[in-house]
Each structure stands twice: as structure tokens, then as C-alpha cells.
Amino acid sequence: MECVSFALFRCATGAGIGGEYAAINSAIQEFVPARRRGMTDLIVNGSFWIGRALGAVGSLVVLDLIFSNLKSAGDLHLSWAVRWR
């Protein structure tokens, strides 16, 4: 069941991020003056990858703490869900 819920939440997250990309790009085109659109688009869409990289580094730290505190291999199935509890 954990794998199914993980897959469903992963799909919902992907759909949300995909919708956010479309919304922010249309908002930039509509509300930012033409001379500043390129730089604004670069900053907004480029900063997503900075956050993605920081999240990856953060997950390495969190997962390292989790794996170092596991008592047995039977506890391993809980490791992915600890972030949401």
C-alpha cells in the first residue's frame, strides 16, 4: 500500500508542478513589462532548479540520519515516509 500511495502522491505533485509552470509563465507574459520579461522569466524558472538542488541535498541529510538510526533491515520500509510524519 505504501508504494501505491507514494506513486499517487508523486503523480499529483507532478500535475501540480506542471500546472504551476503554465500559470507562472502566462502571468509573466501578462503582467511584466516587455523589456523585463526575459530576465524575469529566467529568474523565476531558473530558481526552481536551485530549490530542487537544495531539496536534494536536504533529502541526503535527512535520509542519512534515518539510515544511520535504523535498528534492523525490517525498519527500512518506513524510511521514505518519515519525511511526511
Protein backbone atom coordinates (compact mmCIF):
# COMPACT_ATOMS: atom_id res chain seq x y z
CA MET A 1 0.00 0.00 0.00
CA GLU A 2 2.87 2.39 0.74
CA CYS A 3 4.17 2.06 -2.82
CA VAL A 4 0.73 2.82 -4.25
CA SER A 5 0.25 5.92 -2.07
CA PHE A 6 3.77 7.08 -2.91
CA ALA A 7 3.06 6.73 -6.65
CA LEU A 8 -0.29 8.55 -6.38
CA PHE A 9 1.18 11.46 -4.44
CA ARG A 10 4.13 11.62 -6.84
CA CYS A 11 1.71 11.89 -9.80
CA ALA A 12 -0.33 14.58 -8.02
CA THR A 13 2.85 16.54 -7.32
CA GLY A 14 3.90 16.29 -10.98
CA ALA A 15 0.50 17.54 -12.14
CA GLY A 16 0.69 20.45 -9.71
CA ILE A 17 4.17 21.46 -10.82
CA GLY A 18 3.14 21.19 -14.47
CA GLY A 19 0.15 23.47 -13.84
CA GLU A 20 2.31 25.92 -11.93
CA TYR A 21 4.73 26.23 -14.84
CA ALA A 22 1.93 27.16 -17.22
CA ALA A 23 0.38 29.62 -14.76
CA ILE A 24 3.58 31.46 -13.88
CA ASN A 25 4.71 31.80 -17.50
CA SER A 26 1.37 33.25 -18.59
CA ALA A 27 1.42 35.61 -15.58
CA ILE A 28 4.90 36.81 -16.54
CA GLN A 29 3.79 37.44 -20.12
CA GLU A 30 0.72 39.34 -18.98
CA PHE A 31 1.96 41.41 -16.04
CA VAL A 32 5.67 42.08 -16.59
CA PRO A 33 6.73 44.89 -18.96
CA ALA A 34 8.16 43.66 -22.27
CA ARG A 35 11.67 44.95 -21.59
CA ARG A 36 11.91 42.92 -18.36
CA ARG A 37 10.13 39.70 -19.37
CA GLY A 38 13.22 37.75 -20.39
CA MET A 39 15.12 38.37 -17.17
CA THR A 40 12.02 37.79 -15.03
CA ASP A 41 11.32 34.51 -16.83
CA LEU A 42 14.92 33.43 -16.35
CA ILE A 43 14.89 34.26 -12.63
CA VAL A 44 11.54 32.60 -11.92
CA ASN A 45 12.06 29.43 -13.95
CA GLY A 46 15.77 29.19 -13.14
CA SER A 47 15.24 29.47 -9.40
CA PHE A 48 13.11 26.31 -9.48
CA TRP A 49 16.25 24.29 -10.14
CA ILE A 50 18.07 25.97 -7.27
CA GLY A 51 15.27 24.87 -4.95
CA ARG A 52 15.33 21.42 -6.49
CA ALA A 53 19.06 21.11 -5.80
CA LEU A 54 18.64 22.35 -2.22
CA GLY A 55 15.84 19.82 -1.71
CA ALA A 56 18.05 17.02 -3.00
CA VAL A 57 20.86 17.99 -0.63
CA GLY A 58 18.37 18.24 2.22
CA SER A 59 17.00 14.78 1.47
CA LEU A 60 20.53 13.36 1.55
CA VAL A 61 20.98 14.77 5.04
CA VAL A 62 17.58 13.53 6.24
CA LEU A 63 17.95 10.07 4.70
CA ASP A 64 21.47 9.73 6.08
CA LEU A 65 20.11 10.43 9.56
CA ILE A 66 17.30 7.93 9.05
CA PHE A 67 19.53 5.16 7.70
CA SER A 68 22.11 5.66 10.43
CA ASN A 69 19.39 5.20 13.08
CA LEU A 70 17.79 2.04 11.65
CA LYS A 71 17.90 -0.85 14.07
CA SER A 72 17.24 -3.64 11.54
CA ALA A 73 16.53 -4.24 7.86
CA GLY A 74 12.83 -4.57 8.74
CA ASP A 75 12.73 -0.85 9.55
CA LEU A 76 13.88 0.06 6.03
CA HIS A 77 10.35 0.07 4.53
CA LEU A 78 9.43 3.08 6.70
CA SER A 79 12.31 5.30 5.61
CA TRP A 80 10.62 7.10 2.69
CA ALA A 81 7.54 8.02 4.71
CA VAL A 82 9.37 9.57 7.65
CA ARG A 83 9.63 12.93 5.86
CA TRP A 84 5.82 13.35 5.94
CA ARG A 85 5.24 12.33 9.55
